[in-house]
Amino acid sequence: MADETQQQQPQSENTVDPLILKAALQRLRSEQNLVLAVLAGGAAALLGACVWAAITFATSFQIGWMAVGVGFLVGYAVRTFGKGIDKSFAVVGAVWSLAGCAVGNLLSVIGVISKQQNVPFFDILEKLNPEIVASLMQATFNPMDLLFYGIAVYEGYRFSFRPISQADLMKIG
């Protein structure tokens, strides 16, 4: 008798049939493109880093919130081009966000040095090696950087997922 009662109760509007959900998720996964997500995330990280450095160069002021912008830009690019719903896309967004922040910070420091020493930016950039990069990053590190980098990584992670709408779940085929 209890089985009949359960079968007679209509599903609520918010309940999705498990078979429909499985089919919809399978379709959405077939649209994912991790390679494109990695490429778009890398391009967005580089673009964000360059914009960060250009603003720092123009204003002679290092703005930590630029890191947040880099995280958002990377996450949006990964989501838009990768169309990912799996965790791997979020990891791509987080990693590229951190890389974009580090490069943005480095390029900003080079811009400041270039301006102060009246040496062309690209002359300094040409002479970089891992030892110089490490010492520049260490010398200019500020504990507040961790906060902004953390927010950027979180945004890169969070915004890299493709949102799944009710309409997505209902499209099968």
C-alpha atoms as a PDB file:
ATOM      1  CA  MET A   1       0.000   0.000   0.000  1.00  0.00           C
ATOM      2  CA  ALA A   2       2.832   2.389   0.843  1.00  0.00           C
ATOM      3  CA  ASP A   3       4.327   1.806  -2.633  1.00  0.00           C
ATOM      4  CA  GLU A   4       1.060   2.829  -4.303  1.00  0.00           C
ATOM      5  CA  THR A   5       0.915   6.030  -2.240  1.00  0.00           C
ATOM      6  CA  GLN A   6       4.458   6.970  -3.249  1.00  0.00           C
ATOM      7  CA  GLN A   7       3.740   6.293  -6.912  1.00  0.00           C
ATOM      8  CA  GLN A   8       0.571   8.393  -6.873  1.00  0.00           C
ATOM      9  CA  GLN A   9       2.279  11.484  -5.413  1.00  0.00           C
ATOM     10  CA  PRO A  10       3.259  13.884  -8.199  1.00  0.00           C
ATOM     11  CA  GLN A  11       6.856  15.098  -8.368  1.00  0.00           C
ATOM     12  CA  SER A  12       7.381  18.656  -7.244  1.00  0.00           C
ATOM     13  CA  GLU A  13       8.437  21.283  -9.794  1.00  0.00           C
ATOM     14  CA  ASN A  14      12.003  21.352  -8.449  1.00  0.00           C
ATOM     15  CA  THR A  15      12.500  17.597  -8.661  1.00  0.00           C
ATOM     16  CA  VAL A  16      14.289  16.337 -11.752  1.00  0.00           C
ATOM     17  CA  ASP A  17      13.899  12.776 -12.899  1.00  0.00           C
ATOM     18  CA  PRO A  18      17.244  11.001 -12.275  1.00  0.00           C
ATOM     19  CA  LEU A  19      17.281   9.643 -15.831  1.00  0.00           C
ATOM     20  CA  ILE A  20      16.749  13.111 -17.274  1.00  0.00           C
ATOM     21  CA  LEU A  21      19.473  14.476 -15.007  1.00  0.00           C
ATOM     22  CA  LYS A  22      21.899  11.754 -16.081  1.00  0.00           C
ATOM     23  CA  ALA A  23      21.174  12.368 -19.773  1.00  0.00           C
ATOM     24  CA  ALA A  24      21.499  16.136 -19.373  1.00  0.00           C
ATOM     25  CA  LEU A  25      24.808  15.854 -17.519  1.00  0.00           C
ATOM     26  CA  GLN A  26      26.107  13.470 -20.168  1.00  0.00           C
ATOM     27  CA  ARG A  27      25.177  15.979 -22.886  1.00  0.00           C
ATOM     28  CA  LEU A  28      26.793  18.865 -20.993  1.00  0.00           C
ATOM     29  CA  ARG A  29      29.972  16.828 -20.449  1.00  0.00           C
ATOM     30  CA  SER A  30      30.123  16.093 -24.172  1.00  0.00           C
ATOM     31  CA  GLU A  31      30.281  19.867 -24.808  1.00  0.00           C
ATOM     32  CA  GLN A  32      33.244  20.382 -22.456  1.00  0.00           C
ATOM     33  CA  ASN A  33      36.623  21.293 -23.923  1.00  0.00           C
ATOM     34  CA  LEU A  34      39.493  21.188 -21.427  1.00  0.00           C
ATOM     35  CA  VAL A  35      42.151  22.087 -23.995  1.00  0.00           C
ATOM     36  CA  LEU A  36      40.270  25.227 -24.999  1.00  0.00           C
ATOM     37  CA  ALA A  37      39.716  26.051 -21.313  1.00  0.00           C
ATOM     38  CA  VAL A  38      43.467  25.798 -20.636  1.00  0.00           C
ATOM     39  CA  LEU A  39      44.326  27.972 -23.640  1.00  0.00           C
ATOM     40  CA  ALA A  40      41.658  30.576 -22.869  1.00  0.00           C
ATOM     41  CA  GLY A  41      42.619  30.634 -19.191  1.00  0.00           C
ATOM     42  CA  GLY A  42      46.275  31.165 -20.084  1.00  0.00           C
ATOM     43  CA  ALA A  43      45.447  33.946 -22.522  1.00  0.00           C
ATOM     44  CA  ALA A  44      43.188  35.630 -19.950  1.00  0.00           C
ATOM     45  CA  ALA A  45      45.879  35.329 -17.259  1.00  0.00           C
ATOM     46  CA  LEU A  46      48.431  36.968 -19.562  1.00  0.00           C
ATOM     47  CA  LEU A  47      45.986  39.685 -20.618  1.00  0.00           C
ATOM     48  CA  GLY A  48      45.049  40.380 -17.000  1.00  0.00           C
ATOM     49  CA  ALA A  49      48.724  40.509 -15.985  1.00  0.00           C
ATOM     50  CA  CYS A  50      49.516  42.971 -18.778  1.00  0.00           C
ATOM     51  CA  VAL A  51      46.561  45.212 -17.890  1.00  0.00           C
ATOM     52  CA  TRP A  52      47.617  45.104 -14.233  1.00  0.00           C
ATOM     53  CA  ALA A  53      51.183  46.113 -15.162  1.00  0.00           C
ATOM     54  CA  ALA A  54      49.984  48.854 -17.535  1.00  0.00           C
ATOM     55  CA  ILE A  55      47.763  50.385 -14.850  1.00  0.00           C
ATOM     56  CA  THR A  56      50.581  50.192 -12.307  1.00  0.00           C
ATOM     57  CA  PHE A  57      52.963  51.790 -14.786  1.00  0.00           C
ATOM     58  CA  ALA A  58      50.508  54.562 -15.662  1.00  0.00           C
ATOM     59  CA  THR A  59      49.558  55.386 -12.078  1.00  0.00           C
ATOM     60  CA  SER A  60      52.872  54.528 -10.347  1.00  0.00           C
ATOM     61  CA  PHE A  61      50.716  52.767  -7.775  1.00  0.00           C
ATOM     62  CA  GLN A  62      50.446  49.012  -7.169  1.00  0.00           C
ATOM     63  CA  ILE A  63      46.754  48.140  -6.820  1.00  0.00           C
ATOM     64  CA  GLY A  64      46.236  44.794  -5.086  1.00  0.00           C
ATOM     65  CA  TRP A  65      42.647  44.580  -6.254  1.00  0.00           C
ATOM     66  CA  MET A  66      43.951  43.999  -9.775  1.00  0.00           C
ATOM     67  CA  ALA A  67      44.565  40.414  -8.662  1.00  0.00           C
ATOM     68  CA  VAL A  68      40.839  40.023  -8.080  1.00  0.00           C
ATOM     69  CA  GLY A  69      40.195  41.228 -11.624  1.00  0.00           C
ATOM     70  CA  VAL A  70      42.677  38.689 -12.957  1.00  0.00           C
ATOM     71  CA  GLY A  71      40.870  35.893 -11.093  1.00  0.00           C
ATOM     72  CA  PHE A  72      37.496  36.944 -12.442  1.00  0.00           C
ATOM     73  CA  LEU A  73      38.808  37.322 -16.013  1.00  0.00           C
ATOM     74  CA  VAL A  74      40.473  33.911 -15.957  1.00  0.00           C
ATOM     75  CA  GLY A  75      37.430  32.191 -14.448  1.00  0.00           C
ATOM     76  CA  TYR A  76      35.119  33.774 -16.984  1.00  0.00           C
ATOM     77  CA  ALA A  77      37.385  32.771 -19.904  1.00  0.00           C
ATOM     78  CA  VAL A  78      37.693  29.175 -18.690  1.00  0.00           C
ATOM     79  CA  ARG A  79      33.920  28.907 -18.234  1.00  0.00           C
ATOM     80  CA  THR A  80      33.044  30.547 -21.546  1.00  0.00           C
ATOM     81  CA  PHE A  81      35.470  28.633 -23.745  1.00  0.00           C
ATOM     82  CA  GLY A  82      35.716  25.351 -21.825  1.00  0.00           C
ATOM     83  CA  LYS A  83      32.008  24.994 -21.000  1.00  0.00           C
ATOM     84  CA  GLY A  84      33.065  22.806 -18.098  1.00  0.00           C
ATOM     85  CA  ILE A  85      30.953  21.351 -15.349  1.00  0.00           C
ATOM     86  CA  ASP A  86      33.684  19.126 -13.904  1.00  0.00           C
ATOM     87  CA  LYS A  87      36.093  20.084 -11.122  1.00  0.00           C
ATOM     88  CA  SER A  88      39.073  19.985 -13.494  1.00  0.00           C
ATOM     89  CA  PHE A  89      37.877  23.238 -15.075  1.00  0.00           C
ATOM     90  CA  ALA A  90      37.819  24.954 -11.689  1.00  0.00           C
ATOM     91  CA  VAL A  91      41.358  23.774 -10.994  1.00  0.00           C
ATOM     92  CA  VAL A  92      42.463  25.202 -14.350  1.00  0.00           C
ATOM     93  CA  GLY A  93      40.859  28.525 -13.426  1.00  0.00           C
ATOM     94  CA  ALA A  94      42.501  28.591 -10.001  1.00  0.00           C
ATOM     95  CA  VAL A  95      45.975  27.728 -11.306  1.00  0.00           C
ATOM     96  CA  TRP A  96      45.850  30.257 -14.150  1.00  0.00           C
ATOM     97  CA  SER A  97      44.539  32.906 -11.751  1.00  0.00           C
ATOM     98  CA  LEU A  98      47.508  32.407  -9.446  1.00  0.00           C
ATOM     99  CA  ALA A  99      49.916  32.439 -12.391  1.00  0.00           C
ATOM    100  CA  GLY A 100      48.299  35.596 -13.794  1.00  0.00           C
ATOM    101  CA  CYS A 101      48.637  37.324 -10.422  1.00  0.00           C
ATOM    102  CA  ALA A 102      52.295  36.379 -10.098  1.00  0.00           C
ATOM    103  CA  VAL A 103      53.065  37.566 -13.640  1.00  0.00           C
ATOM    104  CA  GLY A 104      51.025  40.741 -13.134  1.00  0.00           C
ATOM    105  CA  ASN A 105      52.941  41.492  -9.968  1.00  0.00           C
ATOM    106  CA  LEU A 106      56.282  40.780 -11.664  1.00  0.00           C
ATOM    107  CA  LEU A 107      55.480  42.924 -14.704  1.00  0.00           C
ATOM    108  CA  SER A 108      54.342  45.718 -12.386  1.00  0.00           C
ATOM    109  CA  VAL A 109      57.639  45.616 -10.501  1.00  0.00           C
ATOM    110  CA  ILE A 110      59.552  45.683 -13.784  1.00  0.00           C
ATOM    111  CA  GLY A 111      57.459  48.672 -14.879  1.00  0.00           C
ATOM    112  CA  VAL A 112      58.243  50.553 -11.682  1.00  0.00           C
ATOM    113  CA  ILE A 113      61.963  49.782 -11.995  1.00  0.00           C
ATOM    114  CA  SER A 114      61.868  50.814 -15.647  1.00  0.00           C
ATOM    115  CA  LYS A 115      60.298  54.140 -14.777  1.00  0.00           C
ATOM    116  CA  GLN A 116      62.546  54.858 -11.773  1.00  0.00           C
ATOM    117  CA  GLN A 117      65.781  53.873 -13.492  1.00  0.00           C
ATOM    118  CA  ASN A 118      64.823  55.240 -16.905  1.00  0.00           C
ATOM    119  CA  VAL A 119      65.621  51.886 -18.515  1.00  0.00           C
ATOM    120  CA  PRO A 120      63.363  50.482 -21.246  1.00  0.00           C
ATOM    121  CA  PHE A 121      60.874  47.932 -19.922  1.00  0.00           C
ATOM    122  CA  PHE A 122      61.797  45.281 -22.482  1.00  0.00           C
ATOM    123  CA  ASP A 123      65.515  45.664 -21.748  1.00  0.00           C
ATOM    124  CA  ILE A 124      64.807  44.645 -18.156  1.00  0.00           C
ATOM    125  CA  LEU A 125      62.463  41.888 -19.270  1.00  0.00           C
ATOM    126  CA  GLU A 126      65.165  40.429 -21.573  1.00  0.00           C
ATOM    127  CA  LYS A 127      67.644  40.127 -18.727  1.00  0.00           C
ATOM    128  CA  LEU A 128      65.346  38.209 -16.386  1.00  0.00           C
ATOM    129  CA  ASN A 129      66.283  34.756 -15.192  1.00  0.00           C
ATOM    130  CA  PRO A 130      64.711  32.585 -12.477  1.00  0.00           C
ATOM    131  CA  GLU A 131      67.112  33.896  -9.809  1.00  0.00           C
ATOM    132  CA  ILE A 132      66.310  37.543 -10.586  1.00  0.00           C
ATOM    133  CA  VAL A 133      62.576  36.824 -10.735  1.00  0.00           C
ATOM    134  CA  ALA A 134      62.707  35.089  -7.334  1.00  0.00           C
ATOM    135  CA  SER A 135      64.645  37.936  -5.737  1.00  0.00           C
ATOM    136  CA  LEU A 136      62.303  40.593  -7.216  1.00  0.00           C
ATOM    137  CA  MET A 137      59.214  38.740  -6.023  1.00  0.00           C
ATOM    138  CA  GLN A 138      60.730  38.223  -2.577  1.00  0.00           C
ATOM    139  CA  ALA A 139      61.855  41.840  -2.253  1.00  0.00           C
ATOM    140  CA  THR A 140      58.449  43.219  -3.215  1.00  0.00           C
ATOM    141  CA  PHE A 141      56.316  40.683  -1.340  1.00  0.00           C
ATOM    142  CA  ASN A 142      53.687  42.121   0.955  1.00  0.00           C
ATOM    143  CA  PRO A 143      51.605  39.892   3.272  1.00  0.00           C
ATOM    144  CA  MET A 144      48.509  41.624   1.873  1.00  0.00           C
ATOM    145  CA  ASP A 145      49.384  39.990  -1.475  1.00  0.00           C
ATOM    146  CA  LEU A 146      48.291  36.668   0.019  1.00  0.00           C
ATOM    147  CA  LEU A 147      44.802  38.020   0.633  1.00  0.00           C
ATOM    148  CA  PHE A 148      44.401  39.319  -2.914  1.00  0.00           C
ATOM    149  CA  TYR A 149      45.967  36.228  -4.463  1.00  0.00           C
ATOM    150  CA  GLY A 150      43.666  34.060  -2.346  1.00  0.00           C
ATOM    151  CA  ILE A 151      40.591  35.945  -3.511  1.00  0.00           C
ATOM    152  CA  ALA A 152      41.802  35.724  -7.115  1.00  0.00           C
ATOM    153  CA  VAL A 153      42.368  31.963  -6.866  1.00  0.00           C
ATOM    154  CA  TYR A 154      38.925  31.540  -5.307  1.00  0.00           C
ATOM    155  CA  GLU A 155      37.314  33.555  -8.111  1.00  0.00           C
ATOM    156  CA  GLY A 156      39.262  31.669 -10.756  1.00  0.00           C
ATOM    157  CA  TYR A 157      38.030  28.428  -9.220  1.00  0.00           C
ATOM    158  CA  ARG A 158      34.430  29.530  -8.645  1.00  0.00           C
ATOM    159  CA  PHE A 159      33.777  31.257 -11.966  1.00  0.00           C
ATOM    160  CA  SER A 160      35.311  28.468 -14.075  1.00  0.00           C
ATOM    161  CA  PHE A 161      32.262  26.234 -13.685  1.00  0.00           C
ATOM    162  CA  ARG A 162      29.506  26.435 -16.230  1.00  0.00           C
ATOM    163  CA  PRO A 163      26.231  27.178 -14.466  1.00  0.00           C
ATOM    164  CA  ILE A 164      23.604  24.512 -15.088  1.00  0.00           C
ATOM    165  CA  SER A 165      20.125  25.878 -15.556  1.00  0.00           C
ATOM    166  CA  GLN A 166      16.780  24.118 -15.422  1.00  0.00           C
ATOM    167  CA  ALA A 167      16.588  24.585 -19.200  1.00  0.00           C
ATOM    168  CA  ASP A 168      19.927  22.752 -19.601  1.00  0.00           C
ATOM    169  CA  LEU A 169      18.537  19.845 -17.614  1.00  0.00           C
ATOM    170  CA  MET A 170      15.430  19.663 -19.735  1.00  0.00           C
ATOM    171  CA  LYS A 171      17.230  19.702 -23.128  1.00  0.00           C
ATOM    172  CA  ILE A 172      17.846  16.131 -24.124  1.00  0.00           C
ATOM    173  CA  GLY A 173      18.979  15.186 -27.555  1.00  0.00           C
END
